[in-house]
Amino acid sequence: MTPNPFVHLKTKLMRNTRFSLEYFVYIVSASSISAIGLITDSPTSIIASMVICPIMGYVSCLSVGTVLNDICLIKRGATGLFMSLGIGVCMGIQGGVICYDTLVATNEMLKRTKLINLYWEGFLAVASGAAAGCSFYDGRNENLIGVAISTSLLPPAVNFGLLVPHAFKTTDDNLYVYPTIISLSTTLLHIVLIYLITNPRIIWLL
């Protein structure tokens, strides 16, 4: 009988998604690098933050946990996502407060606040989710690094945090409020679509 690849993947996920000091160092470092990359308009720094960021592992926990009906894995994935995005947003807010008087919206920041980009990001998330699903089945989990880079889960959340201080100080919704919402929506859209595409049970229901 062919072994279920998700069972083997569960073992790896449980080992690689522990809530430890190393996890907090990874997520804080990734958020800081992402914030610096957004503020300084550095694509290289933003890509580096995507590689370091452990969020993709928690999305995988959600998908695999649903397939295996494993409540423990689902809780770990949901908790990890909440904590990771929360830390990313908080780091972004801290950067936005520190650089409040000097912060200028860079090209990397603006790219994550345009509604048309949210539309294309949806297609990107679907394609990335398909690649992640294939990685689950054939055991090539190293490909998840490429998926993490392509989906860019953390930078839009950090970008959201950077814009929040300005959103509360302006009366022009078009200037900061709407872009702030779109930036966070990009991360949430990616997570939802990747979860759906990598989960065969949900695909069958659809």
N, C-alpha and C. Protein backbone atom coordinates (compact mmCIF):
# COMPACT_ATOMS: atom_id res chain seq x y z
N MET A 1 0.85 -1.20 0.00
CA MET A 1 0.00 0.00 0.00
C MET A 1 0.89 1.26 0.00
N THR A 2 0.56 2.21 -0.85
CA THR A 2 1.34 3.45 -0.93
C THR A 2 1.08 4.30 0.30
N PRO A 3 2.14 4.70 1.00
CA PRO A 3 1.95 5.50 2.22
C PRO A 3 1.35 6.87 1.89
N ASN A 4 0.52 7.36 2.79
CA ASN A 4 -0.08 8.67 2.63
C ASN A 4 1.00 9.73 2.80
N PRO A 5 1.28 10.53 1.76
CA PRO A 5 2.36 11.53 1.87
C PRO A 5 2.06 12.58 2.92
N PHE A 6 0.77 12.81 3.22
CA PHE A 6 0.42 13.82 4.20
C PHE A 6 0.82 13.39 5.61
N VAL A 7 0.81 12.08 5.89
CA VAL A 7 1.20 11.60 7.21
C VAL A 7 2.68 11.88 7.44
N HIS A 8 3.50 11.61 6.42
CA HIS A 8 4.93 11.89 6.53
C HIS A 8 5.17 13.39 6.67
N LEU A 9 4.39 14.18 5.93
CA LEU A 9 4.54 15.63 5.98
C LEU A 9 4.15 16.16 7.35
N LYS A 10 3.16 15.52 7.98
CA LYS A 10 2.74 15.96 9.31
C LYS A 10 3.90 15.89 10.29
N THR A 11 4.66 14.81 10.23
CA THR A 11 5.80 14.65 11.13
C THR A 11 6.79 15.79 10.95
N LYS A 12 7.05 16.14 9.69
CA LYS A 12 7.98 17.24 9.42
C LYS A 12 7.43 18.57 9.91
N LEU A 13 6.14 18.79 9.69
CA LEU A 13 5.53 20.05 10.09
C LEU A 13 5.54 20.21 11.61
N MET A 14 5.24 19.15 12.32
CA MET A 14 5.23 19.21 13.77
C MET A 14 6.63 19.52 14.31
N ARG A 15 7.64 19.03 13.61
CA ARG A 15 9.02 19.28 14.03
C ARG A 15 9.49 20.68 13.66
N ASN A 16 9.03 21.18 12.51
CA ASN A 16 9.56 22.45 11.99
C ASN A 16 8.72 23.68 12.33
N THR A 17 7.59 23.47 13.01
CA THR A 17 6.73 24.62 13.34
C THR A 17 6.52 24.72 14.85
N ARG A 18 7.55 24.45 15.60
CA ARG A 18 7.47 24.58 17.04
C ARG A 18 7.51 26.05 17.45
N PHE A 19 6.75 26.39 18.47
CA PHE A 19 6.77 27.75 19.00
C PHE A 19 7.94 27.86 19.98
N SER A 20 9.04 28.35 19.47
CA SER A 20 10.26 28.40 20.25
C SER A 20 10.91 29.78 20.11
N LEU A 21 12.02 29.96 20.81
CA LEU A 21 12.77 31.21 20.70
C LEU A 21 13.22 31.42 19.26
N GLU A 22 13.61 30.32 18.61
CA GLU A 22 14.04 30.42 17.22
C GLU A 22 12.92 30.94 16.32
N TYR A 23 11.68 30.48 16.59
CA TYR A 23 10.54 30.95 15.80
C TYR A 23 10.39 32.46 15.91
N PHE A 24 10.45 32.98 17.14
CA PHE A 24 10.29 34.42 17.33
C PHE A 24 11.43 35.20 16.70
N VAL A 25 12.63 34.65 16.76
CA VAL A 25 13.77 35.31 16.11
C VAL A 25 13.54 35.37 14.60
N TYR A 26 13.07 34.27 14.02
CA TYR A 26 12.80 34.22 12.58
C TYR A 26 11.75 35.27 12.18
N ILE A 27 10.63 35.28 12.88
CA ILE A 27 9.53 36.15 12.46
C ILE A 27 9.84 37.62 12.72
N VAL A 28 10.50 37.91 13.85
CA VAL A 28 10.88 39.30 14.14
C VAL A 28 11.94 39.78 13.14
N SER A 29 12.90 38.91 12.84
CA SER A 29 13.93 39.27 11.87
C SER A 29 13.33 39.48 10.48
N ALA A 30 12.45 38.55 10.07
CA ALA A 30 11.82 38.67 8.76
C ALA A 30 10.98 39.95 8.67
N SER A 31 10.24 40.26 9.74
CA SER A 31 9.41 41.46 9.75
C SER A 31 10.27 42.72 9.69
N SER A 32 11.37 42.73 10.43
CA SER A 32 12.26 43.89 10.43
C SER A 32 12.89 44.10 9.05
N ILE A 33 13.36 43.01 8.46
CA ILE A 33 13.97 43.10 7.13
C ILE A 33 12.95 43.56 6.11
N SER A 34 11.73 43.05 6.23
CA SER A 34 10.66 43.44 5.31
C SER A 34 10.34 44.92 5.45
N ALA A 35 10.25 45.41 6.69
CA ALA A 35 9.95 46.82 6.93
C ALA A 35 11.05 47.71 6.35
N ILE A 36 12.29 47.32 6.57
CA ILE A 36 13.41 48.09 6.02
C ILE A 36 13.37 48.09 4.50
N GLY A 37 13.08 46.93 3.92
CA GLY A 37 12.99 46.82 2.46
C GLY A 37 11.89 47.69 1.88
N LEU A 38 10.74 47.74 2.58
CA LEU A 38 9.63 48.57 2.11
C LEU A 38 9.95 50.05 2.22
N ILE A 39 10.55 50.43 3.35
CA ILE A 39 10.87 51.85 3.58
C ILE A 39 11.94 52.34 2.63
N THR A 40 12.94 51.48 2.37
CA THR A 40 14.06 51.88 1.52
C THR A 40 13.88 51.49 0.05
N ASP A 41 12.71 50.89 -0.26
CA ASP A 41 12.40 50.49 -1.63
C ASP A 41 13.41 49.47 -2.16
N SER A 42 13.69 48.46 -1.32
CA SER A 42 14.69 47.44 -1.67
C SER A 42 14.03 46.08 -1.90
N PRO A 43 13.84 45.68 -3.16
CA PRO A 43 13.25 44.36 -3.46
C PRO A 43 14.07 43.21 -2.89
N THR A 44 15.40 43.38 -2.86
CA THR A 44 16.28 42.33 -2.36
C THR A 44 15.98 42.02 -0.89
N SER A 45 15.82 43.07 -0.10
CA SER A 45 15.52 42.88 1.32
C SER A 45 14.17 42.22 1.51
N ILE A 46 13.20 42.59 0.69
CA ILE A 46 11.85 42.02 0.81
C ILE A 46 11.87 40.54 0.46
N ILE A 47 12.60 40.17 -0.59
CA ILE A 47 12.72 38.76 -0.96
C ILE A 47 13.41 37.98 0.16
N ALA A 48 14.44 38.59 0.77
CA ALA A 48 15.14 37.93 1.87
C ALA A 48 14.19 37.66 3.03
N SER A 49 13.30 38.59 3.31
CA SER A 49 12.34 38.40 4.41
C SER A 49 11.38 37.26 4.11
N MET A 50 11.03 37.07 2.84
CA MET A 50 10.13 35.99 2.45
C MET A 50 10.78 34.63 2.68
N VAL A 51 12.09 34.55 2.41
CA VAL A 51 12.81 33.28 2.59
C VAL A 51 12.91 32.93 4.07
N ILE A 52 13.17 33.94 4.91
CA ILE A 52 13.33 33.71 6.34
C ILE A 52 12.00 33.42 7.03
N CYS A 53 10.94 34.06 6.56
CA CYS A 53 9.65 34.00 7.23
C CYS A 53 9.10 32.57 7.32
N PRO A 54 8.63 32.15 8.50
CA PRO A 54 8.12 30.77 8.67
C PRO A 54 6.62 30.62 8.42
N ILE A 55 5.95 31.66 7.88
CA ILE A 55 4.50 31.62 7.75
C ILE A 55 4.02 30.47 6.87
N MET A 56 4.73 30.17 5.79
CA MET A 56 4.27 29.14 4.87
C MET A 56 4.12 27.79 5.56
N GLY A 57 4.93 27.54 6.57
CA GLY A 57 4.82 26.29 7.31
C GLY A 57 3.49 26.17 8.03
N TYR A 58 2.97 27.29 8.50
CA TYR A 58 1.70 27.27 9.23
C TYR A 58 0.51 27.16 8.28
N VAL A 59 0.63 27.73 7.09
CA VAL A 59 -0.40 27.51 6.07
C VAL A 59 -0.45 26.03 5.71
N SER A 60 0.72 25.41 5.62
CA SER A 60 0.80 23.98 5.34
C SER A 60 0.16 23.17 6.47
N CYS A 61 0.36 23.61 7.72
CA CYS A 61 -0.27 22.92 8.85
C CYS A 61 -1.78 22.93 8.73
N LEU A 62 -2.35 24.07 8.33
CA LEU A 62 -3.79 24.16 8.16
C LEU A 62 -4.29 23.19 7.10
N SER A 63 -3.61 23.18 5.94
CA SER A 63 -4.05 22.32 4.84
C SER A 63 -3.91 20.84 5.18
N VAL A 64 -2.74 20.45 5.66
CA VAL A 64 -2.50 19.05 5.98
C VAL A 64 -3.37 18.60 7.14
N GLY A 65 -3.56 19.48 8.13
CA GLY A 65 -4.40 19.15 9.27
C GLY A 65 -5.84 18.90 8.86
N THR A 66 -6.33 19.68 7.88
CA THR A 66 -7.70 19.49 7.39
C THR A 66 -7.83 18.16 6.66
N VAL A 67 -6.84 17.83 5.83
CA VAL A 67 -6.86 16.58 5.08
C VAL A 67 -6.86 15.38 6.03
N LEU A 68 -6.08 15.47 7.10
CA LEU A 68 -5.94 14.35 8.04
C LEU A 68 -6.94 14.41 9.20
N ASN A 69 -7.80 15.43 9.21
CA ASN A 69 -8.73 15.63 10.33
C ASN A 69 -7.97 15.71 11.66
N ASP A 70 -6.84 16.38 11.63
CA ASP A 70 -5.98 16.49 12.80
C ASP A 70 -6.19 17.87 13.44
N ILE A 71 -6.95 17.93 14.53
CA ILE A 71 -7.26 19.19 15.19
C ILE A 71 -6.01 19.86 15.73
N CYS A 72 -5.08 19.06 16.23
CA CYS A 72 -3.84 19.60 16.78
C CYS A 72 -3.05 20.36 15.72
N LEU A 73 -2.97 19.79 14.54
CA LEU A 73 -2.23 20.42 13.45
C LEU A 73 -2.95 21.68 12.96
N ILE A 74 -4.27 21.62 12.91
CA ILE A 74 -5.05 22.79 12.49
C ILE A 74 -4.86 23.94 13.48
N LYS A 75 -4.92 23.62 14.77
CA LYS A 75 -4.73 24.65 15.79
C LYS A 75 -3.33 25.25 15.73
N ARG A 76 -2.35 24.39 15.48
CA ARG A 76 -0.99 24.90 15.38
C ARG A 76 -0.85 25.84 14.19
N GLY A 77 -1.46 25.47 13.06
CA GLY A 77 -1.39 26.32 11.89
C GLY A 77 -2.08 27.65 12.10
N ALA A 78 -3.29 27.62 12.68
CA ALA A 78 -4.05 28.85 12.91
C ALA A 78 -3.34 29.75 13.91
N THR A 79 -2.82 29.15 14.98
CA THR A 79 -2.11 29.93 16.00
C THR A 79 -0.85 30.55 15.43
N GLY A 80 -0.09 29.76 14.66
CA GLY A 80 1.13 30.27 14.06
C GLY A 80 0.87 31.41 13.08
N LEU A 81 -0.19 31.27 12.28
CA LEU A 81 -0.55 32.34 11.35
C LEU A 81 -0.92 33.61 12.10
N PHE A 82 -1.76 33.48 13.13
CA PHE A 82 -2.20 34.64 13.90
C PHE A 82 -1.01 35.34 14.54
N MET A 83 -0.13 34.56 15.16
CA MET A 83 1.03 35.14 15.84
C MET A 83 2.00 35.77 14.85
N SER A 84 2.24 35.09 13.74
CA SER A 84 3.19 35.60 12.75
C SER A 84 2.70 36.91 12.13
N LEU A 85 1.44 36.92 11.71
CA LEU A 85 0.90 38.14 11.11
C LEU A 85 0.79 39.25 12.15
N GLY A 86 0.44 38.88 13.38
CA GLY A 86 0.36 39.89 14.44
C GLY A 86 1.70 40.54 14.70
N ILE A 87 2.76 39.73 14.77
CA ILE A 87 4.10 40.27 14.98
C ILE A 87 4.51 41.14 13.80
N GLY A 88 4.20 40.66 12.58
CA GLY A 88 4.53 41.43 11.38
C GLY A 88 3.85 42.79 11.37
N VAL A 89 2.57 42.82 11.72
CA VAL A 89 1.82 44.08 11.75
C VAL A 89 2.39 45.00 12.83
N CYS A 90 2.68 44.44 14.02
CA CYS A 90 3.23 45.25 15.12
C CYS A 90 4.58 45.84 14.76
N MET A 91 5.42 45.05 14.09
CA MET A 91 6.72 45.57 13.67
C MET A 91 6.55 46.68 12.64
N GLY A 92 5.55 46.50 11.76
CA GLY A 92 5.28 47.53 10.78
C GLY A 92 4.78 48.82 11.43
N ILE A 93 3.88 48.69 12.41
CA ILE A 93 3.38 49.87 13.12
C ILE A 93 4.52 50.58 13.84
N GLN A 94 5.41 49.81 14.44
CA GLN A 94 6.55 50.41 15.12
C GLN A 94 7.41 51.20 14.14
N GLY A 95 7.64 50.61 12.96
CA GLY A 95 8.41 51.32 11.94
C GLY A 95 7.69 52.56 11.45
N GLY A 96 6.35 52.46 11.31
CA GLY A 96 5.57 53.61 10.86
C GLY A 96 5.59 54.75 11.86
N VAL A 97 5.60 54.42 13.16
CA VAL A 97 5.66 55.45 14.20
C VAL A 97 7.04 56.10 14.24
N ILE A 98 8.09 55.27 14.18
CA ILE A 98 9.46 55.79 14.23
C ILE A 98 9.74 56.71 13.05
N CYS A 99 9.26 56.30 11.87
CA CYS A 99 9.54 57.07 10.64
C CYS A 99 8.36 57.94 10.23
N TYR A 100 7.50 58.29 11.20
CA TYR A 100 6.25 58.98 10.87
C TYR A 100 6.48 60.27 10.09
N ASP A 101 7.44 61.08 10.55
CA ASP A 101 7.66 62.39 9.93
C ASP A 101 8.45 62.32 8.62
N THR A 102 9.16 61.22 8.42
CA THR A 102 10.03 61.13 7.25
C THR A 102 9.60 60.06 6.25
N LEU A 103 8.59 59.27 6.62
CA LEU A 103 8.19 58.16 5.77
C LEU A 103 7.55 58.66 4.47
N VAL A 104 8.09 58.19 3.37
CA VAL A 104 7.54 58.49 2.05
C VAL A 104 7.16 57.16 1.40
N ALA A 105 5.94 57.10 0.87
CA ALA A 105 5.48 55.86 0.24
C ALA A 105 6.37 55.49 -0.94
N THR A 106 7.11 54.39 -0.81
CA THR A 106 8.01 53.96 -1.87
C THR A 106 7.25 53.11 -2.89
N ASN A 107 7.94 52.77 -3.97
CA ASN A 107 7.32 51.95 -5.01
C ASN A 107 6.92 50.59 -4.47
N GLU A 108 7.76 49.99 -3.62
CA GLU A 108 7.45 48.68 -3.04
C GLU A 108 6.24 48.76 -2.12
N MET A 109 6.06 49.87 -1.45
CA MET A 109 4.89 50.06 -0.59
C MET A 109 3.64 50.26 -1.43
N LEU A 110 3.74 51.07 -2.47
CA LEU A 110 2.58 51.39 -3.31
C LEU A 110 2.09 50.17 -4.08
N LYS A 111 3.02 49.29 -4.49
CA LYS A 111 2.63 48.10 -5.25
C LYS A 111 1.67 47.22 -4.45
N ARG A 112 1.76 47.30 -3.14
CA ARG A 112 0.94 46.45 -2.28
C ARG A 112 -0.33 47.15 -1.80
N THR A 113 -0.64 48.30 -2.41
CA THR A 113 -1.83 49.05 -2.00
C THR A 113 -2.77 49.33 -3.17
N LYS A 114 -2.48 48.75 -4.34
CA LYS A 114 -3.31 49.01 -5.51
C LYS A 114 -4.32 47.89 -5.70
N LEU A 115 -5.57 48.27 -5.95
CA LEU A 115 -6.64 47.30 -6.07
C LEU A 115 -6.42 46.36 -7.25
N ILE A 116 -5.89 46.84 -8.36
CA ILE A 116 -5.67 46.01 -9.54
C ILE A 116 -4.63 44.93 -9.23
N ASN A 117 -3.66 45.25 -8.37
CA ASN A 117 -2.65 44.26 -7.99
C ASN A 117 -3.26 43.16 -7.13
N LEU A 118 -4.29 43.51 -6.35
CA LEU A 118 -4.97 42.51 -5.54
C LEU A 118 -5.63 41.47 -6.44
N TYR A 119 -6.14 41.92 -7.57
CA TYR A 119 -6.76 41.02 -8.55
C TYR A 119 -5.72 40.03 -9.10
N TRP A 120 -4.57 40.53 -9.50
CA TRP A 120 -3.53 39.66 -10.04
C TRP A 120 -2.89 38.78 -8.97
N GLU A 121 -2.84 39.30 -7.75
CA GLU A 121 -2.29 38.51 -6.65
C GLU A 121 -3.13 37.26 -6.42
N GLY A 122 -4.44 37.35 -6.71
CA GLY A 122 -5.30 36.18 -6.58
C GLY A 122 -4.88 35.06 -7.51
N PHE A 123 -4.58 35.40 -8.77
CA PHE A 123 -4.11 34.40 -9.72
C PHE A 123 -2.76 33.83 -9.29
N LEU A 124 -1.90 34.71 -8.76
CA LEU A 124 -0.59 34.26 -8.28
C LEU A 124 -0.74 33.27 -7.13
N ALA A 125 -1.68 33.55 -6.23
CA ALA A 125 -1.90 32.66 -5.09
C ALA A 125 -2.41 31.30 -5.55
N VAL A 126 -3.28 31.28 -6.56
CA VAL A 126 -3.81 30.02 -7.09
C VAL A 126 -2.68 29.18 -7.69
N ALA A 127 -1.83 29.82 -8.50
CA ALA A 127 -0.70 29.11 -9.11
C ALA A 127 0.27 28.61 -8.04
N SER A 128 0.53 29.44 -7.05
CA SER A 128 1.45 29.05 -5.97
C SER A 128 0.85 27.92 -5.14
N GLY A 129 -0.47 27.98 -4.91
CA GLY A 129 -1.13 26.92 -4.16
C GLY A 129 -1.05 25.59 -4.88
N ALA A 130 -1.18 25.62 -6.22
CA ALA A 130 -1.06 24.40 -7.00
C ALA A 130 0.34 23.81 -6.86
N ALA A 131 1.36 24.67 -6.89
CA ALA A 131 2.73 24.20 -6.72
C ALA A 131 2.94 23.63 -5.32
N ALA A 132 2.34 24.27 -4.32
CA ALA A 132 2.47 23.77 -2.95
C ALA A 132 1.80 22.41 -2.80
N GLY A 133 0.62 22.25 -3.43
CA GLY A 133 -0.08 20.96 -3.38
C GLY A 133 0.75 19.85 -3.99
N CYS A 134 1.39 20.13 -5.12
CA CYS A 134 2.26 19.13 -5.75
C CYS A 134 3.44 18.78 -4.84
N SER A 135 3.96 19.79 -4.14
CA SER A 135 5.07 19.54 -3.22
C SER A 135 4.65 18.61 -2.10
N PHE A 136 3.39 18.77 -1.62
CA PHE A 136 2.89 17.89 -0.57
C PHE A 136 2.87 16.44 -1.04
N TYR A 137 2.37 16.24 -2.26
CA TYR A 137 2.16 14.88 -2.76
C TYR A 137 3.46 14.17 -3.13
N ASP A 138 4.41 14.89 -3.74
CA ASP A 138 5.63 14.21 -4.19
C ASP A 138 6.77 14.31 -3.19
N GLY A 139 6.53 14.98 -2.06
CA GLY A 139 7.53 15.03 -1.00
C GLY A 139 8.64 16.02 -1.22
N ARG A 140 8.55 16.86 -2.25
CA ARG A 140 9.60 17.86 -2.51
C ARG A 140 9.28 19.14 -1.74
N ASN A 141 9.45 19.06 -0.44
CA ASN A 141 9.07 20.18 0.42
C ASN A 141 9.99 21.37 0.27
N GLU A 142 11.17 21.16 -0.34
CA GLU A 142 12.05 22.30 -0.56
C GLU A 142 11.44 23.29 -1.54
N ASN A 143 10.49 22.82 -2.36
CA ASN A 143 9.82 23.72 -3.30
C ASN A 143 8.93 24.73 -2.59
N LEU A 144 8.60 24.45 -1.33
CA LEU A 144 7.77 25.38 -0.57
C LEU A 144 8.48 26.72 -0.35
N ILE A 145 9.81 26.71 -0.43
CA ILE A 145 10.56 27.97 -0.31
C ILE A 145 10.20 28.88 -1.48
N GLY A 146 10.14 28.29 -2.67
CA GLY A 146 9.75 29.06 -3.85
C GLY A 146 8.32 29.56 -3.74
N VAL A 147 7.45 28.73 -3.18
CA VAL A 147 6.06 29.15 -2.97
C VAL A 147 5.99 30.32 -2.00
N ALA A 148 6.79 30.25 -0.93
CA ALA A 148 6.81 31.33 0.06
C ALA A 148 7.26 32.64 -0.56
N ILE A 149 8.24 32.57 -1.47
CA ILE A 149 8.72 33.77 -2.14
C ILE A 149 7.67 34.33 -3.08
N SER A 150 7.02 33.44 -3.84
CA SER A 150 6.06 33.90 -4.84
C SER A 150 4.80 34.49 -4.20
N THR A 151 4.39 33.96 -3.05
CA THR A 151 3.15 34.44 -2.44
C THR A 151 3.33 35.72 -1.65
N SER A 152 4.51 35.95 -1.11
CA SER A 152 4.78 37.20 -0.38
C SER A 152 3.74 37.44 0.71
N LEU A 153 3.67 36.53 1.68
CA LEU A 153 2.66 36.62 2.72
C LEU A 153 2.95 37.71 3.75
N LEU A 154 4.20 37.87 4.14
CA LEU A 154 4.53 38.79 5.22
C LEU A 154 4.61 40.26 4.81
N PRO A 155 5.29 40.62 3.70
CA PRO A 155 5.46 42.05 3.36
C PRO A 155 4.17 42.86 3.32
N PRO A 156 3.06 42.35 2.74
CA PRO A 156 1.84 43.17 2.76
C PRO A 156 1.32 43.42 4.18
N ALA A 157 1.50 42.45 5.09
CA ALA A 157 1.07 42.65 6.48
C ALA A 157 1.94 43.70 7.16
N VAL A 158 3.25 43.66 6.91
CA VAL A 158 4.15 44.67 7.45
C VAL A 158 3.83 46.04 6.84
N ASN A 159 3.55 46.04 5.56
CA ASN A 159 3.19 47.28 4.87
C ASN A 159 1.91 47.88 5.49
N PHE A 160 0.97 47.02 5.82
CA PHE A 160 -0.25 47.44 6.50
C PHE A 160 0.10 48.17 7.80
N GLY A 161 1.01 47.58 8.57
CA GLY A 161 1.43 48.20 9.83
C GLY A 161 2.10 49.55 9.62
N LEU A 162 2.93 49.65 8.58
CA LEU A 162 3.60 50.91 8.29
C LEU A 162 2.62 52.03 7.99
N LEU A 163 1.52 51.68 7.35
CA LEU A 163 0.55 52.68 6.93
C LEU A 163 -0.48 53.03 8.01
N VAL A 164 -0.63 52.16 9.01
CA VAL A 164 -1.66 52.36 10.03
C VAL A 164 -1.53 53.71 10.76
N PRO A 165 -0.32 54.11 11.23
CA PRO A 165 -0.23 55.40 11.92
C PRO A 165 -0.71 56.57 11.06
N HIS A 166 -0.44 56.51 9.77
CA HIS A 166 -0.87 57.59 8.87
C HIS A 166 -2.36 57.53 8.61
N ALA A 167 -2.91 56.32 8.57
CA ALA A 167 -4.34 56.17 8.31
C ALA A 167 -5.17 56.80 9.42
N PHE A 168 -4.68 56.74 10.66
CA PHE A 168 -5.41 57.30 11.78
C PHE A 168 -5.27 58.82 11.89
N LYS A 169 -4.31 59.36 11.14
CA LYS A 169 -4.04 60.80 11.24
C LYS A 169 -4.58 61.60 10.06
N THR A 170 -5.19 60.93 9.09
CA THR A 170 -5.65 61.64 7.90
C THR A 170 -7.16 61.53 7.76
N THR A 171 -7.74 62.54 7.13
CA THR A 171 -9.18 62.52 6.85
C THR A 171 -9.46 62.12 5.41
N ASP A 172 -8.39 61.89 4.64
CA ASP A 172 -8.53 61.50 3.24
C ASP A 172 -8.43 59.98 3.14
N ASP A 173 -9.58 59.30 2.98
CA ASP A 173 -9.59 57.84 2.93
C ASP A 173 -8.78 57.31 1.76
N ASN A 174 -8.79 58.02 0.65
CA ASN A 174 -8.08 57.55 -0.54
C ASN A 174 -6.57 57.61 -0.36
N LEU A 175 -6.10 58.46 0.55
CA LEU A 175 -4.66 58.64 0.71
C LEU A 175 -4.02 57.49 1.48
N TYR A 176 -4.66 57.05 2.59
CA TYR A 176 -4.05 56.01 3.40
C TYR A 176 -5.00 54.89 3.82
N VAL A 177 -6.26 55.21 4.10
CA VAL A 177 -7.16 54.21 4.67
C VAL A 177 -7.42 53.06 3.71
N TYR A 178 -7.87 53.36 2.49
CA TYR A 178 -8.14 52.31 1.52
C TYR A 178 -6.89 51.51 1.15
N PRO A 179 -5.76 52.19 0.87
CA PRO A 179 -4.54 51.43 0.59
C PRO A 179 -4.12 50.53 1.74
N THR A 180 -4.35 50.99 2.98
CA THR A 180 -4.00 50.18 4.15
C THR A 180 -4.82 48.89 4.19
N ILE A 181 -6.10 49.01 3.92
CA ILE A 181 -6.98 47.84 3.90
C ILE A 181 -6.60 46.88 2.79
N ILE A 182 -6.30 47.41 1.61
CA ILE A 182 -5.92 46.57 0.46
C ILE A 182 -4.63 45.81 0.76
N SER A 183 -3.70 46.47 1.44
CA SER A 183 -2.42 45.83 1.75
C SER A 183 -2.62 44.60 2.63
N LEU A 184 -3.44 44.71 3.68
CA LEU A 184 -3.70 43.56 4.54
C LEU A 184 -4.52 42.50 3.80
N SER A 185 -5.44 42.95 2.94
CA SER A 185 -6.28 42.02 2.18
C SER A 185 -5.44 41.13 1.27
N THR A 186 -4.31 41.64 0.80
CA THR A 186 -3.43 40.85 -0.07
C THR A 186 -2.92 39.61 0.66
N THR A 187 -2.47 39.80 1.90
CA THR A 187 -1.99 38.67 2.70
C THR A 187 -3.12 37.68 2.98
N LEU A 188 -4.27 38.18 3.39
CA LEU A 188 -5.38 37.31 3.72
C LEU A 188 -5.88 36.54 2.50
N LEU A 189 -5.90 37.21 1.33
CA LEU A 189 -6.32 36.54 0.10
C LEU A 189 -5.38 35.41 -0.25
N HIS A 190 -4.09 35.64 -0.13
CA HIS A 190 -3.10 34.60 -0.42
C HIS A 190 -3.30 33.40 0.48
N ILE A 191 -3.48 33.64 1.78
CA ILE A 191 -3.63 32.55 2.73
C ILE A 191 -4.86 31.71 2.42
N VAL A 192 -5.98 32.38 2.17
CA VAL A 192 -7.23 31.67 1.89
C VAL A 192 -7.13 30.85 0.61
N LEU A 193 -6.61 31.45 -0.46
CA LEU A 193 -6.55 30.75 -1.75
C LEU A 193 -5.55 29.59 -1.71
N ILE A 194 -4.41 29.79 -1.07
CA ILE A 194 -3.43 28.70 -0.97
C ILE A 194 -4.02 27.55 -0.16
N TYR A 195 -4.73 27.88 0.90
CA TYR A 195 -5.37 26.85 1.72
C TYR A 195 -6.39 26.06 0.90
N LEU A 196 -7.18 26.76 0.11
CA LEU A 196 -8.20 26.09 -0.70
C LEU A 196 -7.57 25.20 -1.78
N ILE A 197 -6.57 25.75 -2.47
CA ILE A 197 -5.97 25.02 -3.59
C ILE A 197 -5.18 23.80 -3.12
N THR A 198 -4.57 23.89 -1.95
CA THR A 198 -3.76 22.75 -1.46
C THR A 198 -4.59 21.74 -0.70
N ASN A 199 -5.88 21.99 -0.55
CA ASN A 199 -6.73 21.09 0.22
C ASN A 199 -7.66 20.32 -0.72
N PRO A 200 -7.36 19.06 -1.02
CA PRO A 200 -8.17 18.31 -1.99
C PRO A 200 -9.62 18.13 -1.58
N ARG A 201 -9.91 18.03 -0.28
CA ARG A 201 -11.29 17.85 0.17
C ARG A 201 -12.15 19.05 -0.19
N ILE A 202 -11.58 20.24 -0.02
CA ILE A 202 -12.34 21.44 -0.33
C ILE A 202 -12.52 21.58 -1.84
N ILE A 203 -11.50 21.22 -2.61
CA ILE A 203 -11.60 21.26 -4.08
C ILE A 203 -12.71 20.35 -4.55
N TRP A 204 -12.83 19.14 -3.96
CA TRP A 204 -13.90 18.22 -4.37
C TRP A 204 -15.28 18.81 -4.05
N LEU A 205 -15.39 19.49 -2.92
CA LEU A 205 -16.66 20.10 -2.55
C LEU A 205 -17.04 21.21 -3.53
N LEU A 206 -16.04 21.94 -4.01
CA LEU A 206 -16.30 22.99 -4.97
C LEU A 206 -16.68 22.42 -6.32
